[in-house]
Amino acid sequence: MGIRQDKELLIDSFEDFRNECERSQDITQGVEYSIKNTVIYSAGDITELSEDGVCVINLGKDTSWEDDERIYCGDNIGIVLKLSGVYPGDGVVRGVVSTEADLCRCSTLYFCLQSANSFYEGDKDSIILVPDVFMFKNGKPDGGNAAKVTVIGYIEDTPDMLAYVKTIAGKKGLDKLLVVD
């Protein structure tokens, strides 16, 4: 299969995923909740750094989101990743292959990021926190195989970014942060 065919397959499969999500009232309501409760932080909003109490697990870029048992273990999990800063979902609708796009292919993150214009138009050192993102085991959008995670994203990678993220995670009561290298 050539690159063009692979890209078309990714586009088609994401379109099917999107349609399935939009047909589910539970998923649609969950996305609305996530959007309503999304918070954007600037570096100035975090006045005191505190990295206590949050377990950080570093993941490689080849993580299989829909099968990673750490997500479905029942803990209060946060996923931390660098976002493209150009397109919500880093072009998942165009068949792009990236960590962000791959995460959007098996979760409701894309739908939440679409509504985050102020994040993409604001300071590039801001942090976005999207609560209760549905993650679907095996990439199939239904409530029976879903877990809720908090996604914390950033665009500009600064020296203190992980400290800021850990501070936010601690204040939000997250047990573990899965951080993509």
N, C-alpha and C. Protein backbone atom coordinates (compact mmCIF):
# COMPACT_ATOMS: atom_id res chain seq x y z
N MET A 1 0.85 -1.18 0.00
CA MET A 1 0.00 0.00 0.00
C MET A 1 0.89 1.24 0.00
N GLY A 2 0.61 2.18 -0.88
CA GLY A 2 1.42 3.39 -0.96
C GLY A 2 1.04 4.41 0.09
N ILE A 3 1.85 5.45 0.17
CA ILE A 3 1.61 6.52 1.14
C ILE A 3 0.26 7.17 0.91
N ARG A 4 -0.08 7.41 -0.34
CA ARG A 4 -1.36 8.05 -0.66
C ARG A 4 -2.53 7.18 -0.20
N GLN A 5 -2.44 5.87 -0.42
CA GLN A 5 -3.51 4.97 0.01
C GLN A 5 -3.59 4.92 1.52
N ASP A 6 -2.45 4.90 2.20
CA ASP A 6 -2.44 4.90 3.66
C ASP A 6 -3.10 6.16 4.20
N LYS A 7 -2.78 7.29 3.60
CA LYS A 7 -3.34 8.57 4.02
C LYS A 7 -4.86 8.57 3.81
N GLU A 8 -5.29 8.09 2.66
CA GLU A 8 -6.73 8.03 2.39
C GLU A 8 -7.44 7.09 3.37
N LEU A 9 -6.81 6.00 3.72
CA LEU A 9 -7.37 5.08 4.70
C LEU A 9 -7.51 5.76 6.06
N LEU A 10 -6.50 6.51 6.47
CA LEU A 10 -6.57 7.24 7.74
C LEU A 10 -7.67 8.29 7.71
N ILE A 11 -7.81 8.99 6.61
CA ILE A 11 -8.87 10.00 6.47
C ILE A 11 -10.24 9.33 6.58
N ASP A 12 -10.43 8.25 5.85
CA ASP A 12 -11.72 7.55 5.86
C ASP A 12 -12.03 6.97 7.24
N SER A 13 -11.04 6.38 7.89
CA SER A 13 -11.30 5.78 9.20
C SER A 13 -11.61 6.85 10.24
N PHE A 14 -10.94 8.01 10.15
CA PHE A 14 -11.27 9.08 11.10
C PHE A 14 -12.67 9.63 10.83
N GLU A 15 -13.04 9.73 9.58
CA GLU A 15 -14.39 10.21 9.24
C GLU A 15 -15.44 9.25 9.79
N ASP A 16 -15.21 7.95 9.68
CA ASP A 16 -16.12 6.96 10.26
C ASP A 16 -16.17 7.11 11.78
N PHE A 17 -15.00 7.28 12.40
CA PHE A 17 -14.92 7.47 13.85
C PHE A 17 -15.72 8.70 14.26
N ARG A 18 -15.51 9.82 13.54
CA ARG A 18 -16.21 11.07 13.85
C ARG A 18 -17.73 10.87 13.75
N ASN A 19 -18.17 10.22 12.68
CA ASN A 19 -19.61 9.98 12.50
C ASN A 19 -20.20 9.14 13.63
N GLU A 20 -19.48 8.10 14.04
CA GLU A 20 -19.95 7.26 15.15
C GLU A 20 -20.05 8.08 16.44
N CYS A 21 -19.06 8.91 16.69
CA CYS A 21 -19.08 9.76 17.90
C CYS A 21 -20.26 10.73 17.87
N GLU A 22 -20.51 11.33 16.72
CA GLU A 22 -21.59 12.32 16.60
C GLU A 22 -22.97 11.68 16.71
N ARG A 23 -23.08 10.38 16.42
CA ARG A 23 -24.37 9.68 16.55
C ARG A 23 -24.69 9.32 18.00
N SER A 24 -23.71 9.34 18.87
CA SER A 24 -23.92 8.94 20.26
C SER A 24 -24.22 10.16 21.13
N GLN A 25 -25.39 10.17 21.73
CA GLN A 25 -25.76 11.28 22.60
C GLN A 25 -24.85 11.35 23.82
N ASP A 26 -24.46 10.22 24.37
CA ASP A 26 -23.57 10.21 25.54
C ASP A 26 -22.21 10.83 25.20
N ILE A 27 -21.68 10.47 24.05
CA ILE A 27 -20.38 11.02 23.64
C ILE A 27 -20.51 12.51 23.36
N THR A 28 -21.56 12.91 22.67
CA THR A 28 -21.78 14.32 22.37
C THR A 28 -21.90 15.14 23.66
N GLN A 29 -22.64 14.63 24.63
CA GLN A 29 -22.77 15.33 25.91
C GLN A 29 -21.43 15.38 26.64
N GLY A 30 -20.65 14.31 26.54
CA GLY A 30 -19.34 14.28 27.16
C GLY A 30 -18.40 15.32 26.55
N VAL A 31 -18.46 15.46 25.24
CA VAL A 31 -17.65 16.47 24.55
C VAL A 31 -18.07 17.86 24.99
N GLU A 32 -19.37 18.11 25.08
CA GLU A 32 -19.86 19.41 25.53
C GLU A 32 -19.36 19.73 26.93
N TYR A 33 -19.37 18.72 27.81
CA TYR A 33 -18.86 18.91 29.17
C TYR A 33 -17.37 19.25 29.14
N SER A 34 -16.62 18.51 28.36
CA SER A 34 -15.17 18.76 28.27
C SER A 34 -14.89 20.16 27.76
N ILE A 35 -15.60 20.57 26.73
CA ILE A 35 -15.40 21.91 26.16
C ILE A 35 -15.72 22.97 27.20
N LYS A 36 -16.83 22.81 27.87
CA LYS A 36 -17.27 23.79 28.87
C LYS A 36 -16.26 23.93 30.01
N ASN A 37 -15.58 22.85 30.34
CA ASN A 37 -14.67 22.85 31.49
C ASN A 37 -13.19 22.91 31.11
N THR A 38 -12.90 23.15 29.84
CA THR A 38 -11.52 23.33 29.40
C THR A 38 -10.97 24.62 29.99
N VAL A 39 -9.72 24.56 30.43
CA VAL A 39 -9.07 25.72 31.03
C VAL A 39 -7.77 25.98 30.28
N ILE A 40 -7.51 27.25 30.00
CA ILE A 40 -6.26 27.66 29.36
C ILE A 40 -5.48 28.48 30.38
N TYR A 41 -4.25 28.05 30.62
CA TYR A 41 -3.36 28.72 31.57
C TYR A 41 -2.23 29.40 30.82
N SER A 42 -1.89 30.58 31.27
CA SER A 42 -0.66 31.21 30.79
C SER A 42 0.39 30.98 31.88
N ALA A 43 1.64 31.13 31.54
CA ALA A 43 2.70 30.92 32.52
C ALA A 43 2.51 31.83 33.73
N GLY A 44 1.96 33.02 33.52
CA GLY A 44 1.74 33.96 34.61
C GLY A 44 0.65 33.53 35.58
N ASP A 45 -0.22 32.62 35.15
CA ASP A 45 -1.29 32.12 36.02
C ASP A 45 -0.77 31.20 37.11
N ILE A 46 0.41 30.64 36.90
CA ILE A 46 0.98 29.68 37.85
C ILE A 46 2.08 30.40 38.62
N THR A 47 1.75 30.80 39.84
CA THR A 47 2.67 31.63 40.60
C THR A 47 3.61 30.81 41.48
N GLU A 48 3.20 29.61 41.83
CA GLU A 48 4.01 28.78 42.71
C GLU A 48 4.10 27.37 42.14
N LEU A 49 5.30 26.91 41.85
CA LEU A 49 5.47 25.57 41.30
C LEU A 49 5.48 24.54 42.42
N SER A 50 4.72 23.47 42.23
CA SER A 50 4.68 22.37 43.18
C SER A 50 4.55 21.08 42.40
N GLU A 51 5.58 20.27 42.44
CA GLU A 51 5.59 19.04 41.66
C GLU A 51 5.32 17.80 42.51
N ASP A 52 4.87 18.00 43.74
CA ASP A 52 4.65 16.88 44.66
C ASP A 52 3.41 16.08 44.29
N GLY A 53 3.48 14.79 44.54
CA GLY A 53 2.32 13.92 44.48
C GLY A 53 1.86 13.48 43.11
N VAL A 54 2.55 13.81 42.06
CA VAL A 54 2.13 13.39 40.73
C VAL A 54 3.19 12.46 40.16
N CYS A 55 2.77 11.26 39.84
CA CYS A 55 3.67 10.27 39.25
C CYS A 55 3.76 10.52 37.74
N VAL A 56 4.96 10.67 37.23
CA VAL A 56 5.17 10.91 35.80
C VAL A 56 5.70 9.64 35.15
N ILE A 57 5.05 9.23 34.08
CA ILE A 57 5.48 8.07 33.30
C ILE A 57 5.79 8.56 31.90
N ASN A 58 7.02 8.43 31.47
CA ASN A 58 7.42 8.87 30.14
C ASN A 58 7.10 7.79 29.12
N LEU A 59 6.50 8.22 28.03
CA LEU A 59 6.11 7.31 26.95
C LEU A 59 6.88 7.66 25.69
N GLY A 60 7.09 6.69 24.87
CA GLY A 60 7.70 6.92 23.57
C GLY A 60 6.66 7.40 22.57
N LYS A 61 7.12 7.94 21.47
CA LYS A 61 6.21 8.45 20.44
C LYS A 61 5.42 7.33 19.75
N ASP A 62 5.85 6.09 19.92
CA ASP A 62 5.17 4.98 19.26
C ASP A 62 4.11 4.34 20.15
N THR A 63 3.66 5.06 21.17
CA THR A 63 2.64 4.54 22.08
C THR A 63 1.36 4.24 21.32
N SER A 64 0.76 3.09 21.61
CA SER A 64 -0.52 2.72 21.03
C SER A 64 -1.60 3.14 22.01
N TRP A 65 -2.18 4.31 21.78
CA TRP A 65 -3.13 4.89 22.72
C TRP A 65 -4.32 3.99 23.01
N GLU A 66 -4.87 3.38 22.00
CA GLU A 66 -6.09 2.64 22.22
C GLU A 66 -5.87 1.32 22.96
N ASP A 67 -4.62 0.88 23.09
CA ASP A 67 -4.35 -0.39 23.77
C ASP A 67 -3.54 -0.24 25.05
N ASP A 68 -3.11 0.94 25.40
CA ASP A 68 -2.24 1.14 26.56
C ASP A 68 -3.04 0.96 27.85
N GLU A 69 -2.77 -0.11 28.56
CA GLU A 69 -3.53 -0.45 29.77
C GLU A 69 -3.42 0.60 30.87
N ARG A 70 -2.37 1.41 30.86
CA ARG A 70 -2.23 2.46 31.87
C ARG A 70 -3.37 3.46 31.79
N ILE A 71 -3.96 3.61 30.63
CA ILE A 71 -5.07 4.54 30.45
C ILE A 71 -6.36 3.95 31.01
N TYR A 72 -6.51 2.65 30.93
CA TYR A 72 -7.76 1.99 31.29
C TYR A 72 -7.72 1.34 32.67
N CYS A 73 -6.76 1.75 33.51
CA CYS A 73 -6.58 1.10 34.81
C CYS A 73 -7.50 1.64 35.89
N GLY A 74 -8.23 2.71 35.61
CA GLY A 74 -9.15 3.26 36.59
C GLY A 74 -8.59 4.40 37.41
N ASP A 75 -7.29 4.68 37.28
CA ASP A 75 -6.70 5.81 37.99
C ASP A 75 -7.12 7.12 37.35
N ASN A 76 -6.88 8.19 38.07
CA ASN A 76 -7.14 9.54 37.56
C ASN A 76 -5.93 9.95 36.72
N ILE A 77 -6.00 9.73 35.41
CA ILE A 77 -4.86 9.83 34.50
C ILE A 77 -4.89 11.15 33.72
N GLY A 78 -3.70 11.69 33.54
CA GLY A 78 -3.51 12.83 32.65
C GLY A 78 -2.55 12.43 31.54
N ILE A 79 -2.83 12.89 30.35
CA ILE A 79 -1.93 12.67 29.22
C ILE A 79 -1.37 14.03 28.83
N VAL A 80 -0.06 14.11 28.75
CA VAL A 80 0.61 15.37 28.46
C VAL A 80 1.29 15.25 27.10
N LEU A 81 1.01 16.22 26.21
CA LEU A 81 1.69 16.17 24.93
C LEU A 81 1.82 17.55 24.32
N LYS A 82 2.82 17.65 23.49
CA LYS A 82 3.07 18.87 22.73
C LYS A 82 2.10 18.87 21.56
N LEU A 83 1.35 19.96 21.43
CA LEU A 83 0.38 20.10 20.35
C LEU A 83 0.99 20.86 19.18
N SER A 84 0.44 20.69 18.02
CA SER A 84 1.02 21.29 16.82
C SER A 84 1.00 22.81 16.86
N GLY A 85 -0.04 23.39 17.40
CA GLY A 85 -0.13 24.84 17.43
C GLY A 85 -0.65 25.44 16.15
N VAL A 86 -0.87 24.62 15.14
CA VAL A 86 -1.36 25.12 13.86
C VAL A 86 -2.80 24.64 13.63
N TYR A 87 -3.00 23.33 13.69
CA TYR A 87 -4.31 22.74 13.47
C TYR A 87 -4.71 21.92 14.69
N PRO A 88 -5.95 22.09 15.17
CA PRO A 88 -6.41 21.17 16.22
C PRO A 88 -6.34 19.74 15.70
N GLY A 89 -5.73 18.86 16.45
CA GLY A 89 -5.58 17.48 16.02
C GLY A 89 -4.43 17.27 15.07
N ASP A 90 -3.65 18.30 14.82
CA ASP A 90 -2.47 18.23 13.94
C ASP A 90 -2.78 17.61 12.59
N GLY A 91 -3.91 17.96 12.03
CA GLY A 91 -4.23 17.48 10.68
C GLY A 91 -4.79 16.08 10.62
N VAL A 92 -5.39 15.60 11.70
CA VAL A 92 -5.96 14.25 11.70
C VAL A 92 -6.98 14.10 10.58
N VAL A 93 -7.70 15.17 10.24
CA VAL A 93 -8.69 15.10 9.16
C VAL A 93 -8.05 14.99 7.79
N ARG A 94 -6.75 15.26 7.68
CA ARG A 94 -6.01 15.17 6.43
C ARG A 94 -5.11 13.94 6.38
N GLY A 95 -5.25 13.04 7.35
CA GLY A 95 -4.47 11.82 7.35
C GLY A 95 -3.05 11.96 7.87
N VAL A 96 -2.79 13.01 8.62
CA VAL A 96 -1.45 13.21 9.19
C VAL A 96 -1.17 12.13 10.24
N VAL A 97 0.07 11.68 10.29
CA VAL A 97 0.49 10.73 11.30
C VAL A 97 1.40 11.48 12.27
N SER A 98 0.94 11.61 13.51
CA SER A 98 1.69 12.27 14.58
C SER A 98 1.11 11.79 15.90
N THR A 99 1.78 12.09 16.98
CA THR A 99 1.28 11.70 18.29
C THR A 99 -0.09 12.31 18.55
N GLU A 100 -0.22 13.60 18.27
CA GLU A 100 -1.48 14.30 18.50
C GLU A 100 -2.60 13.72 17.63
N ALA A 101 -2.34 13.53 16.35
CA ALA A 101 -3.34 12.98 15.44
C ALA A 101 -3.73 11.56 15.85
N ASP A 102 -2.74 10.76 16.24
CA ASP A 102 -3.04 9.39 16.66
C ASP A 102 -3.93 9.37 17.90
N LEU A 103 -3.69 10.28 18.83
CA LEU A 103 -4.53 10.37 20.02
C LEU A 103 -5.95 10.79 19.64
N CYS A 104 -6.08 11.68 18.68
CA CYS A 104 -7.39 12.13 18.23
C CYS A 104 -8.17 11.02 17.52
N ARG A 105 -7.48 10.05 16.96
CA ARG A 105 -8.15 8.96 16.25
C ARG A 105 -8.84 7.97 17.19
N CYS A 106 -8.54 8.04 18.47
CA CYS A 106 -9.14 7.08 19.41
C CYS A 106 -9.71 7.78 20.65
N SER A 107 -9.99 9.08 20.52
CA SER A 107 -10.53 9.82 21.66
C SER A 107 -11.41 10.98 21.17
N THR A 108 -11.99 11.69 22.10
CA THR A 108 -12.80 12.87 21.76
C THR A 108 -11.97 14.15 21.80
N LEU A 109 -10.66 14.05 21.89
CA LEU A 109 -9.80 15.23 21.99
C LEU A 109 -9.98 16.18 20.80
N TYR A 110 -10.03 15.66 19.60
CA TYR A 110 -10.14 16.52 18.42
C TYR A 110 -11.35 17.45 18.53
N PHE A 111 -12.48 16.92 18.94
CA PHE A 111 -13.71 17.70 19.02
C PHE A 111 -13.57 18.83 20.05
N CYS A 112 -12.84 18.56 21.11
CA CYS A 112 -12.62 19.56 22.15
C CYS A 112 -11.65 20.64 21.67
N LEU A 113 -10.59 20.25 21.00
CA LEU A 113 -9.60 21.22 20.52
C LEU A 113 -10.17 22.13 19.44
N GLN A 114 -11.12 21.64 18.68
CA GLN A 114 -11.75 22.47 17.65
C GLN A 114 -12.38 23.73 18.26
N SER A 115 -12.81 23.64 19.49
CA SER A 115 -13.47 24.77 20.16
C SER A 115 -12.51 25.63 20.95
N ALA A 116 -11.23 25.37 20.85
CA ALA A 116 -10.24 26.07 21.68
C ALA A 116 -9.50 27.16 20.89
N ASN A 117 -10.25 27.98 20.18
CA ASN A 117 -9.62 29.01 19.36
C ASN A 117 -8.70 29.92 20.16
N SER A 118 -9.11 30.29 21.37
CA SER A 118 -8.29 31.21 22.16
C SER A 118 -6.94 30.59 22.52
N PHE A 119 -6.87 29.27 22.62
CA PHE A 119 -5.60 28.62 22.89
C PHE A 119 -4.67 28.75 21.69
N TYR A 120 -5.19 28.49 20.51
CA TYR A 120 -4.37 28.53 19.30
C TYR A 120 -4.02 29.95 18.88
N GLU A 121 -4.86 30.90 19.24
CA GLU A 121 -4.62 32.29 18.87
C GLU A 121 -3.85 33.05 19.95
N GLY A 122 -3.71 32.47 21.14
CA GLY A 122 -3.07 33.15 22.25
C GLY A 122 -1.57 32.95 22.30
N ASP A 123 -1.02 33.16 23.50
CA ASP A 123 0.41 32.99 23.73
C ASP A 123 0.80 31.54 23.47
N LYS A 124 1.90 31.36 22.77
CA LYS A 124 2.36 30.01 22.43
C LYS A 124 2.95 29.28 23.63
N ASP A 125 3.13 29.96 24.78
CA ASP A 125 3.61 29.27 25.97
C ASP A 125 2.46 28.95 26.93
N SER A 126 1.23 28.99 26.43
CA SER A 126 0.07 28.64 27.24
C SER A 126 -0.07 27.12 27.36
N ILE A 127 -0.87 26.72 28.31
CA ILE A 127 -1.16 25.30 28.56
C ILE A 127 -2.67 25.14 28.53
N ILE A 128 -3.14 24.11 27.85
CA ILE A 128 -4.57 23.83 27.81
C ILE A 128 -4.84 22.55 28.59
N LEU A 129 -5.87 22.56 29.41
CA LEU A 129 -6.29 21.39 30.17
C LEU A 129 -7.70 21.04 29.72
N VAL A 130 -7.85 19.85 29.15
CA VAL A 130 -9.14 19.37 28.66
C VAL A 130 -9.54 18.18 29.53
N PRO A 131 -10.54 18.36 30.40
CA PRO A 131 -10.94 17.27 31.29
C PRO A 131 -11.88 16.27 30.62
N ASP A 132 -11.91 15.08 31.17
CA ASP A 132 -12.89 14.05 30.79
C ASP A 132 -12.95 13.77 29.29
N VAL A 133 -11.79 13.66 28.69
CA VAL A 133 -11.71 13.25 27.28
C VAL A 133 -11.95 11.74 27.26
N PHE A 134 -12.89 11.31 26.44
CA PHE A 134 -13.14 9.87 26.30
C PHE A 134 -12.02 9.25 25.47
N MET A 135 -11.41 8.20 26.01
CA MET A 135 -10.44 7.39 25.28
C MET A 135 -11.13 6.06 25.00
N PHE A 136 -11.06 5.60 23.76
CA PHE A 136 -11.77 4.39 23.37
C PHE A 136 -10.79 3.26 23.09
N LYS A 137 -10.91 2.22 23.87
CA LYS A 137 -10.08 1.05 23.67
C LYS A 137 -10.34 0.48 22.28
N ASN A 138 -9.30 0.14 21.58
CA ASN A 138 -9.37 -0.38 20.22
C ASN A 138 -9.96 0.62 19.23
N GLY A 139 -10.02 1.90 19.61
CA GLY A 139 -10.47 2.94 18.69
C GLY A 139 -11.94 2.89 18.32
N LYS A 140 -12.74 2.12 19.06
CA LYS A 140 -14.16 1.98 18.76
C LYS A 140 -14.96 2.84 19.74
N PRO A 141 -15.65 3.86 19.24
CA PRO A 141 -16.34 4.80 20.13
C PRO A 141 -17.65 4.26 20.71
N ASP A 142 -17.54 3.63 21.86
CA ASP A 142 -18.73 3.29 22.63
C ASP A 142 -18.37 3.32 24.11
N GLY A 143 -19.37 3.56 24.92
CA GLY A 143 -19.16 3.73 26.36
C GLY A 143 -18.62 2.51 27.06
N GLY A 144 -18.86 1.33 26.51
CA GLY A 144 -18.42 0.10 27.16
C GLY A 144 -16.91 -0.08 27.17
N ASN A 145 -16.20 0.58 26.29
CA ASN A 145 -14.76 0.42 26.25
C ASN A 145 -14.04 1.77 26.39
N ALA A 146 -14.69 2.69 27.11
CA ALA A 146 -14.14 4.04 27.23
C ALA A 146 -13.55 4.29 28.62
N ALA A 147 -12.56 5.14 28.65
CA ALA A 147 -11.99 5.66 29.90
C ALA A 147 -11.95 7.18 29.75
N LYS A 148 -12.04 7.88 30.85
CA LYS A 148 -11.93 9.34 30.82
C LYS A 148 -10.55 9.73 31.32
N VAL A 149 -9.91 10.61 30.57
CA VAL A 149 -8.60 11.13 30.95
C VAL A 149 -8.63 12.65 30.83
N THR A 150 -7.68 13.28 31.48
CA THR A 150 -7.48 14.71 31.32
C THR A 150 -6.29 14.88 30.39
N VAL A 151 -6.46 15.68 29.35
CA VAL A 151 -5.37 15.94 28.43
C VAL A 151 -4.82 17.33 28.72
N ILE A 152 -3.52 17.39 28.90
CA ILE A 152 -2.84 18.66 29.12
C ILE A 152 -1.89 18.86 27.95
N GLY A 153 -2.11 19.93 27.21
CA GLY A 153 -1.30 20.18 26.02
C GLY A 153 -0.64 21.53 26.06
N TYR A 154 0.41 21.64 25.30
CA TYR A 154 1.16 22.89 25.19
C TYR A 154 1.73 22.96 23.78
N ILE A 155 2.09 24.19 23.37
CA ILE A 155 2.65 24.38 22.04
C ILE A 155 4.15 24.63 22.14
N GLU A 156 4.52 25.60 22.92
CA GLU A 156 5.92 26.01 23.07
C GLU A 156 6.57 25.21 24.20
N ASP A 157 7.61 24.50 23.89
CA ASP A 157 8.31 23.69 24.90
C ASP A 157 9.35 24.56 25.60
N THR A 158 9.01 25.00 26.81
CA THR A 158 9.92 25.84 27.59
C THR A 158 10.61 25.00 28.65
N PRO A 159 11.71 25.48 29.23
CA PRO A 159 12.42 24.69 30.25
C PRO A 159 11.56 24.32 31.47
N ASP A 160 10.60 25.17 31.82
CA ASP A 160 9.77 24.91 33.00
C ASP A 160 8.43 24.26 32.68
N MET A 161 8.20 23.90 31.42
CA MET A 161 6.88 23.41 31.01
C MET A 161 6.42 22.21 31.83
N LEU A 162 7.27 21.21 32.02
CA LEU A 162 6.85 20.04 32.78
C LEU A 162 6.54 20.42 34.23
N ALA A 163 7.29 21.34 34.82
CA ALA A 163 7.00 21.80 36.18
C ALA A 163 5.63 22.49 36.23
N TYR A 164 5.33 23.30 35.24
CA TYR A 164 4.01 23.95 35.18
C TYR A 164 2.91 22.90 35.06
N VAL A 165 3.11 21.94 34.16
CA VAL A 165 2.12 20.89 33.94
C VAL A 165 1.91 20.07 35.21
N LYS A 166 2.99 19.70 35.89
CA LYS A 166 2.86 18.92 37.12
C LYS A 166 2.14 19.72 38.20
N THR A 167 2.37 21.01 38.27
CA THR A 167 1.68 21.86 39.24
C THR A 167 0.18 21.86 38.96
N ILE A 168 -0.20 22.04 37.70
CA ILE A 168 -1.61 22.02 37.32
C ILE A 168 -2.22 20.66 37.62
N ALA A 169 -1.52 19.60 37.26
CA ALA A 169 -2.02 18.23 37.49
C ALA A 169 -2.25 17.98 38.98
N GLY A 170 -1.32 18.42 39.82
CA GLY A 170 -1.48 18.25 41.26
C GLY A 170 -2.70 18.99 41.78
N LYS A 171 -2.92 20.20 41.29
CA LYS A 171 -4.08 20.99 41.72
C LYS A 171 -5.38 20.37 41.24
N LYS A 172 -5.35 19.67 40.14
CA LYS A 172 -6.54 19.00 39.59
C LYS A 172 -6.73 17.59 40.14
N GLY A 173 -5.82 17.14 40.99
CA GLY A 173 -5.98 15.84 41.63
C GLY A 173 -5.63 14.64 40.76
N LEU A 174 -4.82 14.84 39.74
CA LEU A 174 -4.43 13.71 38.89
C LEU A 174 -3.41 12.83 39.61
N ASP A 175 -3.55 11.52 39.47
CA ASP A 175 -2.64 10.56 40.10
C ASP A 175 -1.38 10.33 39.27
N LYS A 176 -1.58 10.21 37.95
CA LYS A 176 -0.48 9.88 37.05
C LYS A 176 -0.53 10.76 35.81
N LEU A 177 0.64 11.10 35.33
CA LEU A 177 0.77 11.81 34.06
C LEU A 177 1.53 10.93 33.09
N LEU A 178 0.92 10.66 31.98
CA LEU A 178 1.61 9.95 30.90
C LEU A 178 2.14 11.02 29.97
N VAL A 179 3.46 11.15 29.92
CA VAL A 179 4.10 12.23 29.18
C VAL A 179 4.76 11.64 27.94
N VAL A 180 4.41 12.21 26.79
CA VAL A 180 5.00 11.75 25.53
C VAL A 180 6.29 12.49 25.32
N ASP A 181 7.37 11.71 25.14
CA ASP A 181 8.69 12.30 24.90
C ASP A 181 8.74 13.01 23.58
